[in-house]
Every structure is written in C-alpha cells, then in structure tokens.
Amino acid sequence: ITLEQYELREKLLGPEAYETMSTLNNLALIYSKTGRFEEAEAAHRKEWQISQRTLGSDHPEVLISMLNLGRVLERSGKSDEAADILTDALSRADRVLPEVHPLLAAITTACGEVALEQGDRDRAIELFLASRRIYEQMFEPGHPRFDRLDELIAQAQS
C-alpha cells in the first residue's frame, strides 16, 4: 500500500468510502511498523475522524482506530495523550461490546501498557489481569496471547 494508492482511492471513491478508510488505516499501520510515527499518527487521526463521522462514535471500527492511534502515540512518547484516547476507547468498548470480545481485551491490554509506561504498576496489573480473564473465556490454555500477557504482568511486578 502506498500513499499514491490511498490518494487514488480517495479521489475515485471519496474520503468516507470504507475502502478508502481501510487503505488509510493500512497505510498508517505500515508507517508505524517502519518507525514513521508522525506520519502514522496523522493518518490514524484522519481515519479516526472520518470513521467517527461516518460510523458513529461507538462503532467497533472507531474503537479500532482509537486503539491504533493510542498505540502510535505511546510508541512516540506521548503516553499522556495515549492514555486519554485509550481510556476513552475502553469506556466506549465497555458500553458497546460484549464482556468477552477480542477488541475489548486488546484495548484493555493497551491501557495496561500505557499505565505501565507511566509507572502505574498496580493499574497495569489490574488491566492485564482483566485482559487475561477475557482471553481465558476465548482461548484454550497455552494460547500465545497468554504468553504476552504473562510477560507484561511479570514486567509490571518487577
């Protein structure tokens, strides 16, 4: 996916078309994975704004946008802003998603990672354990998700 592909879709389909938003999100993810955090942040913000406007503020796609933006902000050292966005996403997710949902677990884990980054180990552990409880209802023991959460819990306890 390239910027040119996104711009072409935006021109042909419009900025609010699902395919255009999906392309923008994928472009932002590529920017993030390659360390281009400013570009990733800008793309995620744009996609979040468009998805909120077109889908409504509590739509799962909007929550994914918030999760992705929060992760980029955390990686770029903006943990306070990441915490605000992820806390908002978690509040919305708690309202609209079932108690056992992978997106709820992912947002909860991301909130825990930011709390850990900010030095709030107790809150981080609380959030990691909440994610673990969700995953326990979704996956068999030994699933890789548990390994990552156990590593995060151990990191928060050290």
Protein backbone atom coordinates (compact mmCIF):
# COMPACT_ATOMS: atom_id res chain seq x y z
CA ILE A 1 0.00 0.00 0.00
CA THR A 2 1.36 3.38 -0.94
CA LEU A 3 0.31 6.96 -0.41
CA GLU A 4 -0.48 7.13 -4.11
CA GLN A 5 -2.89 4.19 -3.81
CA TYR A 6 -4.65 5.88 -0.91
CA GLU A 7 -4.88 9.18 -2.78
CA LEU A 8 -6.30 7.42 -5.84
CA ARG A 9 -8.98 5.68 -3.79
CA GLU A 10 -9.79 8.93 -2.02
CA LYS A 11 -10.21 10.65 -5.39
CA LEU A 12 -12.22 7.87 -7.04
CA LEU A 13 -14.32 6.62 -4.12
CA GLY A 14 -14.34 9.63 -1.79
CA PRO A 15 -12.70 10.08 1.61
CA GLU A 16 -15.54 8.43 3.51
CA ALA A 17 -15.74 5.21 1.50
CA TYR A 18 -14.95 2.12 3.53
CA GLU A 19 -12.24 1.07 1.08
CA THR A 20 -10.59 4.49 1.35
CA MET A 21 -10.64 4.44 5.16
CA SER A 22 -9.31 0.88 5.19
CA THR A 23 -6.47 1.87 2.86
CA LEU A 24 -5.64 4.85 5.07
CA ASN A 25 -5.60 2.63 8.16
CA ASN A 26 -3.32 0.11 6.44
CA LEU A 27 -1.02 2.89 5.32
CA ALA A 28 -0.88 4.20 8.90
CA LEU A 29 -0.02 0.71 10.17
CA ILE A 30 2.82 0.47 7.65
CA TYR A 31 4.11 3.87 8.74
CA SER A 32 4.01 2.74 12.36
CA LYS A 33 5.79 -0.56 11.72
CA THR A 34 8.54 1.28 9.86
CA GLY A 35 9.04 3.85 12.62
CA ARG A 36 7.43 6.73 10.76
CA PHE A 37 5.38 7.72 13.79
CA GLU A 38 4.48 11.29 12.79
CA GLU A 39 3.00 10.08 9.52
CA ALA A 40 1.31 7.16 11.28
CA GLU A 41 -0.21 9.49 13.86
CA ALA A 42 -1.53 11.88 11.21
CA ALA A 43 -3.04 9.04 9.16
CA HIS A 44 -4.61 7.38 12.21
CA ARG A 45 -6.07 10.70 13.37
CA LYS A 46 -7.59 11.33 9.95
CA GLU A 47 -9.02 7.82 9.73
CA TRP A 48 -10.42 8.13 13.28
CA GLN A 49 -12.13 11.43 12.48
CA ILE A 50 -13.66 10.10 9.28
CA SER A 51 -14.80 6.83 10.85
CA GLN A 52 -16.40 8.66 13.80
CA ARG A 53 -18.26 10.94 11.42
CA THR A 54 -19.45 8.17 9.13
CA LEU A 55 -19.96 5.25 11.52
CA GLY A 56 -20.75 6.88 14.86
CA SER A 57 -18.52 7.29 17.89
CA ASP A 58 -19.17 3.84 19.39
CA HIS A 59 -18.75 1.71 16.27
CA PRO A 60 -16.14 -1.08 16.63
CA GLU A 61 -14.19 0.31 13.66
CA VAL A 62 -13.91 3.62 15.53
CA LEU A 63 -12.66 1.75 18.59
CA ILE A 64 -10.02 0.05 16.44
CA SER A 65 -8.98 3.47 15.12
CA MET A 66 -8.62 4.74 18.67
CA LEU A 67 -6.63 1.67 19.67
CA ASN A 68 -4.26 2.10 16.73
CA LEU A 69 -3.82 5.81 17.40
CA GLY A 70 -3.22 5.19 21.09
CA ARG A 71 -0.54 2.62 20.31
CA VAL A 72 1.25 5.01 17.94
CA LEU A 73 1.11 7.81 20.48
CA GLU A 74 2.57 5.53 23.15
CA ARG A 75 5.40 4.41 20.85
CA SER A 76 6.21 8.01 20.01
CA GLY A 77 6.49 9.01 23.67
CA LYS A 78 3.10 10.71 24.02
CA SER A 79 1.86 8.48 26.82
CA ASP A 80 -0.47 11.06 28.40
CA GLU A 81 -2.39 11.56 25.17
CA ALA A 82 -2.31 7.82 24.50
CA ALA A 83 -3.79 7.21 27.95
CA ASP A 84 -6.60 9.69 27.31
CA ILE A 85 -7.56 8.16 23.96
CA LEU A 86 -7.26 4.57 25.14
CA THR A 87 -9.22 5.26 28.34
CA ASP A 88 -11.96 6.79 26.21
CA ALA A 89 -11.85 3.78 23.88
CA LEU A 90 -12.09 1.41 26.85
CA SER A 91 -15.06 3.28 28.25
CA ARG A 92 -16.83 3.07 24.89
CA ALA A 93 -15.87 -0.59 24.44
CA ASP A 94 -17.27 -1.45 27.88
CA ARG A 95 -20.57 0.14 26.81
CA VAL A 96 -20.98 -1.41 23.37
CA LEU A 97 -19.05 -4.67 23.19
CA PRO A 98 -19.89 -7.99 24.83
CA GLU A 99 -17.97 -8.78 28.02
CA VAL A 100 -15.96 -11.37 26.12
CA HIS A 101 -14.64 -9.73 22.96
CA PRO A 102 -11.14 -9.64 21.46
CA LEU A 103 -11.28 -5.89 20.84
CA LEU A 104 -12.20 -5.25 24.47
CA ALA A 105 -9.22 -7.37 25.55
CA ALA A 106 -6.88 -5.58 23.12
CA ILE A 107 -7.91 -2.13 24.31
CA THR A 108 -7.63 -3.22 27.94
CA THR A 109 -4.12 -4.55 27.30
CA ALA A 110 -3.11 -1.33 25.54
CA CYS A 111 -4.39 0.70 28.50
CA GLY A 112 -2.29 -1.52 30.76
CA GLU A 113 0.80 -0.95 28.63
CA VAL A 114 0.35 2.82 28.87
CA ALA A 115 -0.23 2.60 32.63
CA LEU A 116 2.99 0.60 32.92
CA GLU A 117 4.82 3.16 30.78
CA GLN A 118 3.56 5.87 33.12
CA GLY A 119 4.76 3.96 36.18
CA ASP A 120 1.34 2.93 37.50
CA ARG A 121 2.21 -0.72 38.03
CA ASP A 122 -0.87 -1.57 40.11
CA ARG A 123 -3.24 -0.23 37.46
CA ALA A 124 -1.26 -2.00 34.73
CA ILE A 125 -1.50 -5.34 36.54
CA GLU A 126 -5.23 -4.82 37.10
CA LEU A 127 -5.74 -4.19 33.38
CA PHE A 128 -3.53 -7.09 32.27
CA LEU A 129 -5.41 -9.46 34.56
CA ALA A 130 -8.73 -8.19 33.17
CA SER A 131 -7.48 -8.91 29.64
CA ARG A 132 -6.33 -12.33 30.74
CA ARG A 133 -9.79 -13.13 32.14
CA ILE A 134 -11.34 -12.21 28.78
CA TYR A 135 -8.85 -14.36 26.87
CA GLU A 136 -9.41 -17.29 29.26
CA GLN A 137 -13.01 -17.36 28.07
CA MET A 138 -11.96 -17.22 24.42
CA PHE A 139 -8.87 -19.42 24.10
CA GLU A 140 -7.52 -22.73 25.33
CA PRO A 141 -4.66 -22.68 27.85
CA GLY A 142 -1.30 -22.24 26.17
CA HIS A 143 -2.53 -19.78 23.56
CA PRO A 144 0.18 -17.21 22.63
CA ARG A 145 -1.96 -14.35 23.94
CA PHE A 146 -1.38 -15.66 27.45
CA ASP A 147 2.39 -15.62 26.98
CA ARG A 148 2.37 -11.93 26.09
CA LEU A 149 0.09 -11.01 28.99
CA ASP A 150 2.16 -13.08 31.42
CA GLU A 151 5.28 -11.23 30.23
CA LEU A 152 3.57 -7.89 30.77
CA ILE A 153 2.36 -8.91 34.23
CA ALA A 154 5.86 -10.05 35.18
CA GLN A 155 7.29 -6.78 33.88
CA ALA A 156 4.79 -4.81 35.95
CA GLN A 157 5.60 -6.85 39.05
CA SER A 158 9.37 -6.40 38.77
